């Protein structure tokens, strides 16, 4: 693969930018699709300058076809993450239809390898919580979000491509944490804690360092494992533990007020009302509350059988390093 040219979708996003970084550091020729002139500024500029940026959109088949010219393999990380009900159809378009376009064009172009970045959400949550691994089958549940449904449907498009001869593998990271644009994605939790957010929930979830997901994506690009999925999860933590670790990293006061179902129910309804009149995106929604209150553990032992030398970073260390970088940027 080292002499191959790699196309990355979603390269301007949080994870996509780290995937570009990993590829450039390993000496790959890299092309990335972007919809605007914005280039991630949380990655070293000298690395981002080595990326061949092309204007395009995974919903535009013509631009996607052009972007794949001369490409040997693809890491598909473009997606929309949202828990806002009115963005359901936007996620259907980008996450499902966009993935279908990538799969179709990859088959047409004879691409030798596709790494699809999915999510643990695509496996589905259970109202009763419990442990989730790669063997879990999708079940419709009231705790599944519209985002989860869109990622599940996107995976079906990849499996269809595999059935048609595409050499592809699926990666399912849990909630990704690290240093990035703290006005978007899961990075926003760092901003909220820094600004004194004082509430925590009883929920439990899986978390993984962004560098680990990028590293795994490139390692799977380099092997021939196909028609398999791999769950990527550094550890299972209560949200309170995560928030405390971030607060400690910023030398801020830890959140001390527990937000239960009743309080969160009032909060998301007030947010919805405020959003209706202001037009601003709500910080809290009914679907995000479901995730915050659920208790789901994720088992990622399968990856060690296929990548014996791979190990996940300590969440404590990853959070500490991310906090230091956020502080450096603020100063």
C-alpha atoms as a PDB file:
ATOM      1  CA  UNK A   1       0.000   0.000   0.000  1.00  0.00           C
ATOM      2  CA  UNK A   2       2.885   2.404   0.617  1.00  0.00           C
ATOM      3  CA  UNK A   3       3.102   3.274  -3.082  1.00  0.00           C
ATOM      4  CA  UNK A   4      -0.649   3.685  -3.411  1.00  0.00           C
ATOM      5  CA  UNK A   5      -2.699   6.862  -3.517  1.00  0.00           C
ATOM      6  CA  UNK A   6      -5.422   7.123  -0.892  1.00  0.00           C
ATOM      7  CA  UNK A   7      -8.669   9.099  -1.027  1.00  0.00           C
ATOM      8  CA  UNK A   8     -10.206  10.253   2.264  1.00  0.00           C
ATOM      9  CA  UNK A   9     -13.781  11.469   2.508  1.00  0.00           C
ATOM     10  CA  UNK A  10     -14.641  13.683   5.459  1.00  0.00           C
ATOM     11  CA  UNK A  11     -11.059  14.924   5.665  1.00  0.00           C
ATOM     12  CA  UNK A  12     -12.081  18.302   7.069  1.00  0.00           C
ATOM     13  CA  UNK A  13     -13.855  16.639  10.017  1.00  0.00           C
ATOM     14  CA  UNK A  14     -12.501  15.690  13.426  1.00  0.00           C
ATOM     15  CA  UNK A  15     -11.580  12.051  12.748  1.00  0.00           C
ATOM     16  CA  UNK A  16     -10.935  12.584   9.046  1.00  0.00           C
ATOM     17  CA  UNK A  17      -8.234  15.151   9.792  1.00  0.00           C
ATOM     18  CA  UNK A  18      -6.411  12.707  12.079  1.00  0.00           C
ATOM     19  CA  UNK A  19      -6.657   9.999   9.423  1.00  0.00           C
ATOM     20  CA  UNK A  20      -4.992  12.385   6.964  1.00  0.00           C
ATOM     21  CA  UNK A  21      -2.311  13.104   9.559  1.00  0.00           C
ATOM     22  CA  UNK A  22      -1.639   9.379  10.084  1.00  0.00           C
ATOM     23  CA  UNK A  23      -1.432   8.718   6.345  1.00  0.00           C
ATOM     24  CA  UNK A  24       0.935  11.635   5.664  1.00  0.00           C
ATOM     25  CA  UNK A  25       3.193  10.658   8.559  1.00  0.00           C
ATOM     26  CA  UNK A  26       3.442   7.137   7.117  1.00  0.00           C
ATOM     27  CA  UNK A  27       4.444   8.487   3.703  1.00  0.00           C
ATOM     28  CA  UNK A  28       1.263   7.978   1.697  1.00  0.00           C
ATOM     29  CA  UNK A  29       0.104  10.099  -1.209  1.00  0.00           C
ATOM     30  CA  UNK A  30      -3.214  11.492  -0.027  1.00  0.00           C
ATOM     31  CA  UNK A  31      -6.172  13.167  -1.679  1.00  0.00           C
ATOM     32  CA  UNK A  32      -9.112  14.523   0.341  1.00  0.00           C
ATOM     33  CA  UNK A  33     -12.544  15.787  -0.646  1.00  0.00           C
ATOM     34  CA  UNK A  34     -13.761  19.074   0.775  1.00  0.00           C
ATOM     35  CA  UNK A  35     -16.954  21.064   0.289  1.00  0.00           C
ATOM     36  CA  UNK A  36     -15.456  24.403   1.351  1.00  0.00           C
ATOM     37  CA  UNK A  37     -12.042  26.042   1.520  1.00  0.00           C
ATOM     38  CA  UNK A  38     -11.759  25.328   5.240  1.00  0.00           C
ATOM     39  CA  UNK A  39      -8.830  23.090   6.202  1.00  0.00           C
ATOM     40  CA  UNK A  40      -8.551  21.673   9.765  1.00  0.00           C
ATOM     41  CA  UNK A  41      -6.392  24.019  11.851  1.00  0.00           C
ATOM     42  CA  UNK A  42      -5.963  21.613  14.778  1.00  0.00           C
ATOM     43  CA  UNK A  43      -3.516  19.477  12.776  1.00  0.00           C
ATOM     44  CA  UNK A  44       0.036  20.579  11.999  1.00  0.00           C
ATOM     45  CA  UNK A  45      -0.153  22.920   8.956  1.00  0.00           C
ATOM     46  CA  UNK A  46       2.947  21.393   7.365  1.00  0.00           C
ATOM     47  CA  UNK A  47       1.137  18.048   7.216  1.00  0.00           C
ATOM     48  CA  UNK A  48      -2.137  19.434   5.875  1.00  0.00           C
ATOM     49  CA  UNK A  49      -0.197  21.201   3.101  1.00  0.00           C
ATOM     50  CA  UNK A  50       0.887  17.800   1.784  1.00  0.00           C
ATOM     51  CA  UNK A  51      -2.723  16.760   1.171  1.00  0.00           C
ATOM     52  CA  UNK A  52      -4.135  17.120  -2.326  1.00  0.00           C
ATOM     53  CA  UNK A  53      -7.444  18.855  -1.634  1.00  0.00           C
ATOM     54  CA  UNK A  54     -10.201  18.542  -4.229  1.00  0.00           C
ATOM     55  CA  UNK A  55     -13.556  20.253  -4.174  1.00  0.00           C
ATOM     56  CA  UNK A  56     -16.424  17.795  -4.162  1.00  0.00           C
ATOM     57  CA  UNK A  57     -19.289  16.190  -2.315  1.00  0.00           C
ATOM     58  CA  UNK A  58     -20.197  12.547  -1.770  1.00  0.00           C
ATOM     59  CA  UNK A  59     -23.739  13.454  -2.858  1.00  0.00           C
ATOM     60  CA  UNK A  60     -22.378  14.679  -6.196  1.00  0.00           C
ATOM     61  CA  UNK A  61     -21.625  11.540  -8.200  1.00  0.00           C
ATOM     62  CA  UNK A  62     -19.692  13.414 -10.893  1.00  0.00           C
ATOM     63  CA  UNK A  63     -17.302  15.099  -8.443  1.00  0.00           C
ATOM     64  CA  UNK A  64     -16.929  11.820  -6.563  1.00  0.00           C
ATOM     65  CA  UNK A  65     -16.063  10.006  -9.765  1.00  0.00           C
ATOM     66  CA  UNK A  66     -13.448  12.648 -10.593  1.00  0.00           C
ATOM     67  CA  UNK A  67     -11.976  12.458  -7.080  1.00  0.00           C
ATOM     68  CA  UNK A  68     -11.443   8.702  -7.494  1.00  0.00           C
ATOM     69  CA  UNK A  69      -9.375   9.001 -10.673  1.00  0.00           C
ATOM     70  CA  UNK A  70      -5.921   7.560 -10.033  1.00  0.00           C
ATOM     71  CA  UNK A  71      -6.935   6.390  -6.548  1.00  0.00           C
ATOM     72  CA  UNK A  72      -6.060   2.929  -5.224  1.00  0.00           C
ATOM     73  CA  UNK A  73      -7.916   2.838  -1.897  1.00  0.00           C
ATOM     74  CA  UNK A  74     -10.464   4.850   0.090  1.00  0.00           C
ATOM     75  CA  UNK A  75     -11.061   5.616   3.751  1.00  0.00           C
ATOM     76  CA  UNK A  76     -14.666   6.773   3.950  1.00  0.00           C
ATOM     77  CA  UNK A  77     -15.174   8.854   7.096  1.00  0.00           C
ATOM     78  CA  UNK A  78     -17.622  11.499   5.857  1.00  0.00           C
ATOM     79  CA  UNK A  79     -20.811  11.559   7.927  1.00  0.00           C
ATOM     80  CA  UNK A  80     -23.165  13.821   9.830  1.00  0.00           C
ATOM     81  CA  UNK A  81     -23.614  13.265  13.557  1.00  0.00           C
ATOM     82  CA  UNK A  82     -26.748  14.892  14.917  1.00  0.00           C
ATOM     83  CA  UNK A  83     -29.425  14.246  17.511  1.00  0.00           C
ATOM     84  CA  UNK A  84     -31.729  16.971  16.197  1.00  0.00           C
ATOM     85  CA  UNK A  85     -34.975  15.507  14.785  1.00  0.00           C
ATOM     86  CA  UNK A  86     -35.258  17.927  11.863  1.00  0.00           C
ATOM     87  CA  UNK A  87     -31.824  16.806  10.588  1.00  0.00           C
ATOM     88  CA  UNK A  88     -32.987  13.191  10.205  1.00  0.00           C
ATOM     89  CA  UNK A  89     -33.360  13.447   6.436  1.00  0.00           C
ATOM     90  CA  UNK A  90     -30.031  15.234   6.071  1.00  0.00           C
ATOM     91  CA  UNK A  91     -28.368  12.285   7.799  1.00  0.00           C
ATOM     92  CA  UNK A  92     -30.256   9.929   5.508  1.00  0.00           C
ATOM     93  CA  UNK A  93     -28.830  11.765   2.511  1.00  0.00           C
ATOM     94  CA  UNK A  94     -25.216  12.094   3.638  1.00  0.00           C
ATOM     95  CA  UNK A  95     -24.747   8.982   5.756  1.00  0.00           C
ATOM     96  CA  UNK A  96     -26.803   6.533   3.680  1.00  0.00           C
ATOM     97  CA  UNK A  97     -27.079   7.895   0.134  1.00  0.00           C
ATOM     98  CA  UNK A  98     -23.555   9.327   0.297  1.00  0.00           C
ATOM     99  CA  UNK A  99     -22.147   5.956   1.359  1.00  0.00           C
ATOM    100  CA  UNK A 100     -24.087   4.258  -1.434  1.00  0.00           C
ATOM    101  CA  UNK A 101     -22.464   6.677  -3.889  1.00  0.00           C
ATOM    102  CA  UNK A 102     -18.984   5.952  -2.522  1.00  0.00           C
ATOM    103  CA  UNK A 103     -19.578   2.196  -2.775  1.00  0.00           C
ATOM    104  CA  UNK A 104     -20.977   2.413  -6.304  1.00  0.00           C
ATOM    105  CA  UNK A 105     -18.213   4.652  -7.606  1.00  0.00           C
ATOM    106  CA  UNK A 106     -15.544   2.514  -5.909  1.00  0.00           C
ATOM    107  CA  UNK A 107     -16.891  -0.577  -7.668  1.00  0.00           C
ATOM    108  CA  UNK A 108     -17.010   1.272 -10.974  1.00  0.00           C
ATOM    109  CA  UNK A 109     -13.467   2.624 -10.562  1.00  0.00           C
ATOM    110  CA  UNK A 110     -12.029  -0.740  -9.519  1.00  0.00           C
ATOM    111  CA  UNK A 111     -10.812   0.563  -6.146  1.00  0.00           C
ATOM    112  CA  UNK A 112      -8.738  -2.128  -4.456  1.00  0.00           C
ATOM    113  CA  UNK A 113      -9.682  -1.344  -0.837  1.00  0.00           C
ATOM    114  CA  UNK A 114     -12.354   0.506   1.161  1.00  0.00           C
ATOM    115  CA  UNK A 115     -12.241   1.199   4.895  1.00  0.00           C
ATOM    116  CA  UNK A 116     -15.653   2.376   6.055  1.00  0.00           C
ATOM    117  CA  UNK A 117     -15.783   4.365   9.289  1.00  0.00           C
ATOM    118  CA  UNK A 118     -19.077   3.528  10.932  1.00  0.00           C
ATOM    119  CA  UNK A 119     -20.012   3.830  14.623  1.00  0.00           C
ATOM    120  CA  UNK A 120     -20.993   1.661  17.560  1.00  0.00           C
ATOM    121  CA  UNK A 121     -24.366   3.375  17.117  1.00  0.00           C
ATOM    122  CA  UNK A 122     -24.860   1.230  13.991  1.00  0.00           C
ATOM    123  CA  UNK A 123     -24.954  -1.854  16.214  1.00  0.00           C
ATOM    124  CA  UNK A 124     -27.896  -0.436  18.127  1.00  0.00           C
ATOM    125  CA  UNK A 125     -28.438   0.094  21.830  1.00  0.00           C
ATOM    126  CA  UNK A 126     -30.691  -1.906  24.111  1.00  0.00           C
ATOM    127  CA  UNK A 127     -33.023  -0.285  26.606  1.00  0.00           C
ATOM    128  CA  UNK A 128     -31.652  -2.697  29.201  1.00  0.00           C
ATOM    129  CA  UNK A 129     -28.059  -1.673  28.491  1.00  0.00           C
ATOM    130  CA  UNK A 130     -25.539  -4.513  28.661  1.00  0.00           C
ATOM    131  CA  UNK A 131     -22.452  -5.414  26.622  1.00  0.00           C
ATOM    132  CA  UNK A 132     -22.206  -4.893  22.868  1.00  0.00           C
ATOM    133  CA  UNK A 133     -19.661  -6.500  20.550  1.00  0.00           C
ATOM    134  CA  UNK A 134     -19.340  -7.219  16.826  1.00  0.00           C
ATOM    135  CA  UNK A 135     -21.773 -10.136  17.001  1.00  0.00           C
ATOM    136  CA  UNK A 136     -24.699  -7.974  18.032  1.00  0.00           C
ATOM    137  CA  UNK A 137     -27.453  -7.820  15.444  1.00  0.00           C
ATOM    138  CA  UNK A 138     -29.376  -4.624  14.842  1.00  0.00           C
ATOM    139  CA  UNK A 139     -32.659  -4.471  16.737  1.00  0.00           C
ATOM    140  CA  UNK A 140     -35.072  -1.595  16.542  1.00  0.00           C
ATOM    141  CA  UNK A 141     -35.315   0.009  19.974  1.00  0.00           C
ATOM    142  CA  UNK A 142     -36.693   3.185  21.499  1.00  0.00           C
ATOM    143  CA  UNK A 143     -33.162   4.080  22.619  1.00  0.00           C
ATOM    144  CA  UNK A 144     -31.801   4.033  19.060  1.00  0.00           C
ATOM    145  CA  UNK A 145     -31.330   7.502  17.582  1.00  0.00           C
ATOM    146  CA  UNK A 146     -31.902   8.694  14.015  1.00  0.00           C
ATOM    147  CA  UNK A 147     -28.118   8.906  13.721  1.00  0.00           C
ATOM    148  CA  UNK A 148     -27.824   5.233  14.707  1.00  0.00           C
ATOM    149  CA  UNK A 149     -30.424   4.228  12.133  1.00  0.00           C
ATOM    150  CA  UNK A 150     -28.614   6.154   9.396  1.00  0.00           C
ATOM    151  CA  UNK A 151     -25.264   4.519  10.209  1.00  0.00           C
ATOM    152  CA  UNK A 152     -26.885   1.074  10.269  1.00  0.00           C
ATOM    153  CA  UNK A 153     -28.359   1.684   6.817  1.00  0.00           C
ATOM    154  CA  UNK A 154     -24.994   2.986   5.602  1.00  0.00           C
ATOM    155  CA  UNK A 155     -23.385  -0.296   6.658  1.00  0.00           C
ATOM    156  CA  UNK A 156     -25.963  -2.206   4.636  1.00  0.00           C
ATOM    157  CA  UNK A 157     -24.729  -0.307   1.568  1.00  0.00           C
ATOM    158  CA  UNK A 158     -21.153  -1.381   2.323  1.00  0.00           C
ATOM    159  CA  UNK A 159     -22.215  -5.004   2.766  1.00  0.00           C
ATOM    160  CA  UNK A 160     -24.048  -4.757  -0.560  1.00  0.00           C
ATOM    161  CA  UNK A 161     -20.795  -3.574  -2.127  1.00  0.00           C
ATOM    162  CA  UNK A 162     -18.922  -6.458  -0.529  1.00  0.00           C
ATOM    163  CA  UNK A 163     -21.488  -8.807  -2.077  1.00  0.00           C
ATOM    164  CA  UNK A 164     -20.719  -7.239  -5.444  1.00  0.00           C
ATOM    165  CA  UNK A 165     -16.975  -7.801  -5.082  1.00  0.00           C
ATOM    166  CA  UNK A 166     -15.746  -4.788  -3.089  1.00  0.00           C
ATOM    167  CA  UNK A 167     -12.799  -5.461  -0.774  1.00  0.00           C
ATOM    168  CA  UNK A 168     -14.004  -3.613   2.318  1.00  0.00           C
ATOM    169  CA  UNK A 169     -13.844  -3.595   6.095  1.00  0.00           C
ATOM    170  CA  UNK A 170     -16.034  -1.747   8.613  1.00  0.00           C
ATOM    171  CA  UNK A 171     -14.778  -0.010  11.763  1.00  0.00           C
ATOM    172  CA  UNK A 172     -17.156   0.879  14.606  1.00  0.00           C
ATOM    173  CA  UNK A 173     -15.584   3.410  16.982  1.00  0.00           C
ATOM    174  CA  UNK A 174     -17.322   4.404  20.202  1.00  0.00           C
ATOM    175  CA  UNK A 175     -17.499   8.094  21.186  1.00  0.00           C
ATOM    176  CA  UNK A 176     -14.289   9.664  19.881  1.00  0.00           C
ATOM    177  CA  UNK A 177     -12.436  12.100  22.132  1.00  0.00           C
ATOM    178  CA  UNK A 178      -9.383  14.290  21.670  1.00  0.00           C
ATOM    179  CA  UNK A 179      -8.089  17.667  20.556  1.00  0.00           C
ATOM    180  CA  UNK A 180      -9.997  19.294  17.706  1.00  0.00           C
ATOM    181  CA  UNK A 181     -12.461  22.061  16.999  1.00  0.00           C
ATOM    182  CA  UNK A 182     -14.261  22.309  20.320  1.00  0.00           C
ATOM    183  CA  UNK A 183     -17.211  24.059  18.695  1.00  0.00           C
ATOM    184  CA  UNK A 184     -18.241  20.851  16.938  1.00  0.00           C
ATOM    185  CA  UNK A 185     -18.514  17.070  17.287  1.00  0.00           C
ATOM    186  CA  UNK A 186     -17.674  15.341  20.560  1.00  0.00           C
ATOM    187  CA  UNK A 187     -14.964  17.958  21.155  1.00  0.00           C
ATOM    188  CA  UNK A 188     -17.711  20.265  22.427  1.00  0.00           C
ATOM    189  CA  UNK A 189     -17.700  18.456  25.766  1.00  0.00           C
ATOM    190  CA  UNK A 190     -14.227  19.897  26.424  1.00  0.00           C
ATOM    191  CA  UNK A 191     -15.539  23.413  25.797  1.00  0.00           C
ATOM    192  CA  UNK A 192     -18.563  22.879  28.029  1.00  0.00           C
ATOM    193  CA  UNK A 193     -16.477  21.628  30.952  1.00  0.00           C
ATOM    194  CA  UNK A 194     -13.950  24.440  30.495  1.00  0.00           C
ATOM    195  CA  UNK A 195     -16.765  26.986  30.630  1.00  0.00           C
ATOM    196  CA  UNK A 196     -18.052  25.558  33.915  1.00  0.00           C
ATOM    197  CA  UNK A 197     -20.818  23.121  32.936  1.00  0.00           C
ATOM    198  CA  UNK A 198     -21.910  21.783  36.327  1.00  0.00           C
ATOM    199  CA  UNK A 199     -24.193  18.813  35.548  1.00  0.00           C
ATOM    200  CA  UNK A 200     -23.449  15.128  35.080  1.00  0.00           C
ATOM    201  CA  UNK A 201     -25.602  12.092  34.285  1.00  0.00           C
ATOM    202  CA  UNK A 202     -25.598   8.511  35.502  1.00  0.00           C
ATOM    203  CA  UNK A 203     -25.071   7.138  32.000  1.00  0.00           C
ATOM    204  CA  UNK A 204     -22.209   4.878  30.934  1.00  0.00           C
ATOM    205  CA  UNK A 205     -20.663   4.762  27.486  1.00  0.00           C
ATOM    206  CA  UNK A 206     -17.602   3.720  25.514  1.00  0.00           C
ATOM    207  CA  UNK A 207     -14.876   6.217  24.600  1.00  0.00           C
ATOM    208  CA  UNK A 208     -11.808   6.018  22.364  1.00  0.00           C
ATOM    209  CA  UNK A 209      -8.946   8.380  21.536  1.00  0.00           C
ATOM    210  CA  UNK A 210      -9.122   9.923  18.060  1.00  0.00           C
ATOM    211  CA  UNK A 211      -5.484   8.994  17.378  1.00  0.00           C
ATOM    212  CA  UNK A 212      -6.283   5.309  18.019  1.00  0.00           C
ATOM    213  CA  UNK A 213      -9.160   5.294  15.532  1.00  0.00           C
ATOM    214  CA  UNK A 214      -7.000   6.967  12.873  1.00  0.00           C
ATOM    215  CA  UNK A 215      -4.192   4.487  13.500  1.00  0.00           C
ATOM    216  CA  UNK A 216      -6.581   1.524  13.253  1.00  0.00           C
ATOM    217  CA  UNK A 217      -8.091   2.870  10.026  1.00  0.00           C
ATOM    218  CA  UNK A 218      -4.685   2.987   8.337  1.00  0.00           C
ATOM    219  CA  UNK A 219      -3.642  -0.431   9.674  1.00  0.00           C
ATOM    220  CA  UNK A 220      -6.789  -1.979   8.219  1.00  0.00           C
ATOM    221  CA  UNK A 221      -6.113  -0.148   4.975  1.00  0.00           C
ATOM    222  CA  UNK A 222      -2.811  -2.009   4.821  1.00  0.00           C
ATOM    223  CA  UNK A 223      -4.146  -5.536   5.295  1.00  0.00           C
ATOM    224  CA  UNK A 224      -6.496  -7.752   3.303  1.00  0.00           C
ATOM    225  CA  UNK A 225      -9.113  -8.486   5.980  1.00  0.00           C
ATOM    226  CA  UNK A 226     -12.465  -8.130   4.262  1.00  0.00           C
ATOM    227  CA  UNK A 227     -16.178  -8.492   5.046  1.00  0.00           C
ATOM    228  CA  UNK A 228     -15.482  -8.020   8.769  1.00  0.00           C
ATOM    229  CA  UNK A 229     -16.383  -5.358  11.305  1.00  0.00           C
ATOM    230  CA  UNK A 230     -14.247  -4.218  14.239  1.00  0.00           C
ATOM    231  CA  UNK A 231     -15.420  -2.344  17.303  1.00  0.00           C
ATOM    232  CA  UNK A 232     -12.944   0.310  18.502  1.00  0.00           C
ATOM    233  CA  UNK A 233     -13.306   1.227  22.156  1.00  0.00           C
ATOM    234  CA  UNK A 234     -10.629   2.406  24.563  1.00  0.00           C
ATOM    235  CA  UNK A 235     -12.659   1.926  27.738  1.00  0.00           C
ATOM    236  CA  UNK A 236     -16.161   2.073  29.203  1.00  0.00           C
ATOM    237  CA  UNK A 237     -16.654   5.036  31.527  1.00  0.00           C
ATOM    238  CA  UNK A 238     -19.528   6.748  33.248  1.00  0.00           C
ATOM    239  CA  UNK A 239     -20.076  10.217  31.826  1.00  0.00           C
ATOM    240  CA  UNK A 240     -19.280  11.628  35.251  1.00  0.00           C
ATOM    241  CA  UNK A 241     -15.817  10.029  35.177  1.00  0.00           C
ATOM    242  CA  UNK A 242     -15.169  11.490  31.730  1.00  0.00           C
ATOM    243  CA  UNK A 243     -16.290  14.957  32.808  1.00  0.00           C
ATOM    244  CA  UNK A 244     -14.187  14.771  35.979  1.00  0.00           C
ATOM    245  CA  UNK A 245     -11.090  13.812  33.977  1.00  0.00           C
ATOM    246  CA  UNK A 246     -11.599  16.757  31.623  1.00  0.00           C
ATOM    247  CA  UNK A 247     -12.219  19.145  34.522  1.00  0.00           C
ATOM    248  CA  UNK A 248      -9.010  17.957  36.183  1.00  0.00           C
ATOM    249  CA  UNK A 249      -7.121  18.431  32.918  1.00  0.00           C
ATOM    250  CA  UNK A 250      -8.281  22.055  32.792  1.00  0.00           C
ATOM    251  CA  UNK A 251      -7.808  22.520  36.557  1.00  0.00           C
ATOM    252  CA  UNK A 252     -11.504  23.380  36.763  1.00  0.00           C
ATOM    253  CA  UNK A 253     -14.149  22.468  39.310  1.00  0.00           C
ATOM    254  CA  UNK A 254     -15.689  19.070  38.697  1.00  0.00           C
ATOM    255  CA  UNK A 255     -19.410  18.949  37.771  1.00  0.00           C
ATOM    256  CA  UNK A 256     -21.295  18.375  41.023  1.00  0.00           C
ATOM    257  CA  UNK A 257     -25.010  18.371  40.173  1.00  0.00           C
ATOM    258  CA  UNK A 258     -26.585  15.126  39.007  1.00  0.00           C
ATOM    259  CA  UNK A 259     -29.080  15.502  36.169  1.00  0.00           C
ATOM    260  CA  UNK A 260     -31.680  12.732  36.304  1.00  0.00           C
ATOM    261  CA  UNK A 261     -34.421  11.861  33.804  1.00  0.00           C
ATOM    262  CA  UNK A 262     -36.888  14.421  35.186  1.00  0.00           C
ATOM    263  CA  UNK A 263     -34.471  17.358  35.062  1.00  0.00           C
ATOM    264  CA  UNK A 264     -33.131  16.365  31.637  1.00  0.00           C
ATOM    265  CA  UNK A 265     -36.681  15.989  30.360  1.00  0.00           C
ATOM    266  CA  UNK A 266     -37.422  19.572  31.327  1.00  0.00           C
ATOM    267  CA  UNK A 267     -34.095  20.739  29.909  1.00  0.00           C
ATOM    268  CA  UNK A 268     -34.501  19.273  26.415  1.00  0.00           C
ATOM    269  CA  UNK A 269     -38.037  20.603  26.149  1.00  0.00           C
ATOM    270  CA  UNK A 270     -36.872  24.091  27.091  1.00  0.00           C
ATOM    271  CA  UNK A 271     -34.054  23.796  24.563  1.00  0.00           C
ATOM    272  CA  UNK A 272     -36.528  22.762  21.855  1.00  0.00           C
ATOM    273  CA  UNK A 273     -38.746  25.744  22.626  1.00  0.00           C
ATOM    274  CA  UNK A 274     -35.813  28.143  22.653  1.00  0.00           C
ATOM    275  CA  UNK A 275     -34.513  26.718  19.366  1.00  0.00           C
ATOM    276  CA  UNK A 276     -37.938  27.129  17.756  1.00  0.00           C
ATOM    277  CA  UNK A 277     -37.991  30.863  18.429  1.00  0.00           C
ATOM    278  CA  UNK A 278     -34.268  31.645  18.044  1.00  0.00           C
ATOM    279  CA  UNK A 279     -33.393  29.332  15.163  1.00  0.00           C
ATOM    280  CA  UNK A 280     -30.226  28.249  17.001  1.00  0.00           C
ATOM    281  CA  UNK A 281     -29.226  24.602  17.293  1.00  0.00           C
ATOM    282  CA  UNK A 282     -30.330  23.101  20.634  1.00  0.00           C
ATOM    283  CA  UNK A 283     -27.528  21.917  22.902  1.00  0.00           C
ATOM    284  CA  UNK A 284     -29.738  19.159  24.273  1.00  0.00           C
ATOM    285  CA  UNK A 285     -32.399  17.048  22.539  1.00  0.00           C
ATOM    286  CA  UNK A 286     -34.643  14.136  23.444  1.00  0.00           C
ATOM    287  CA  UNK A 287     -32.352  11.766  21.552  1.00  0.00           C
ATOM    288  CA  UNK A 288     -29.118  13.009  23.127  1.00  0.00           C
ATOM    289  CA  UNK A 289     -30.741  12.624  26.555  1.00  0.00           C
ATOM    290  CA  UNK A 290     -31.441   8.958  25.752  1.00  0.00           C
ATOM    291  CA  UNK A 291     -27.738   8.411  25.122  1.00  0.00           C
ATOM    292  CA  UNK A 292     -26.712  10.351  28.243  1.00  0.00           C
ATOM    293  CA  UNK A 293     -28.926   8.187  30.452  1.00  0.00           C
ATOM    294  CA  UNK A 294     -28.248   4.786  28.854  1.00  0.00           C
ATOM    295  CA  UNK A 295     -25.684   2.349  30.229  1.00  0.00           C
ATOM    296  CA  UNK A 296     -24.010   0.433  27.408  1.00  0.00           C
ATOM    297  CA  UNK A 297     -20.605  -1.227  27.488  1.00  0.00           C
ATOM    298  CA  UNK A 298     -18.594  -2.080  24.389  1.00  0.00           C
ATOM    299  CA  UNK A 299     -16.229  -5.030  23.972  1.00  0.00           C
ATOM    300  CA  UNK A 300     -13.387  -4.440  21.501  1.00  0.00           C
ATOM    301  CA  UNK A 301     -11.314  -7.585  22.085  1.00  0.00           C
ATOM    302  CA  UNK A 302     -11.807  -8.844  18.527  1.00  0.00           C
ATOM    303  CA  UNK A 303      -9.300  -6.377  17.086  1.00  0.00           C
ATOM    304  CA  UNK A 304      -6.459  -7.907  19.122  1.00  0.00           C
ATOM    305  CA  UNK A 305      -6.983 -11.235  17.327  1.00  0.00           C
ATOM    306  CA  UNK A 306      -6.547  -9.631  13.906  1.00  0.00           C
ATOM    307  CA  UNK A 307      -4.012  -6.931  14.852  1.00  0.00           C
ATOM    308  CA  UNK A 308      -1.962  -8.583  17.637  1.00  0.00           C
ATOM    309  CA  UNK A 309       0.292  -5.567  18.160  1.00  0.00           C
ATOM    310  CA  UNK A 310      -2.524  -3.034  18.437  1.00  0.00           C
ATOM    311  CA  UNK A 311      -3.463  -1.528  21.805  1.00  0.00           C
ATOM    312  CA  UNK A 312      -5.651   1.371  22.873  1.00  0.00           C
ATOM    313  CA  UNK A 313      -4.269   4.449  24.565  1.00  0.00           C
ATOM    314  CA  UNK A 314      -5.079   5.280  28.162  1.00  0.00           C
ATOM    315  CA  UNK A 315      -8.144   7.550  28.233  1.00  0.00           C
ATOM    316  CA  UNK A 316      -6.659   9.433  31.183  1.00  0.00           C
ATOM    317  CA  UNK A 317      -3.510  10.227  29.196  1.00  0.00           C
ATOM    318  CA  UNK A 318      -5.423  11.084  26.021  1.00  0.00           C
ATOM    319  CA  UNK A 319      -7.703  13.497  27.894  1.00  0.00           C
ATOM    320  CA  UNK A 320      -4.780  15.105  29.697  1.00  0.00           C
ATOM    321  CA  UNK A 321      -2.904  15.649  26.427  1.00  0.00           C
ATOM    322  CA  UNK A 322      -6.010  17.050  24.725  1.00  0.00           C
ATOM    323  CA  UNK A 323      -6.640  19.484  27.594  1.00  0.00           C
ATOM    324  CA  UNK A 324      -3.049  20.727  27.388  1.00  0.00           C
ATOM    325  CA  UNK A 325      -3.453  21.414  23.668  1.00  0.00           C
ATOM    326  CA  UNK A 326      -6.769  23.236  24.178  1.00  0.00           C
ATOM    327  CA  UNK A 327      -5.137  25.388  26.861  1.00  0.00           C
ATOM    328  CA  UNK A 328      -2.163  26.147  24.633  1.00  0.00           C
ATOM    329  CA  UNK A 329      -4.523  27.260  21.901  1.00  0.00           C
ATOM    330  CA  UNK A 330      -6.502  29.462  24.286  1.00  0.00           C
ATOM    331  CA  UNK A 331      -3.312  31.102  25.455  1.00  0.00           C
END
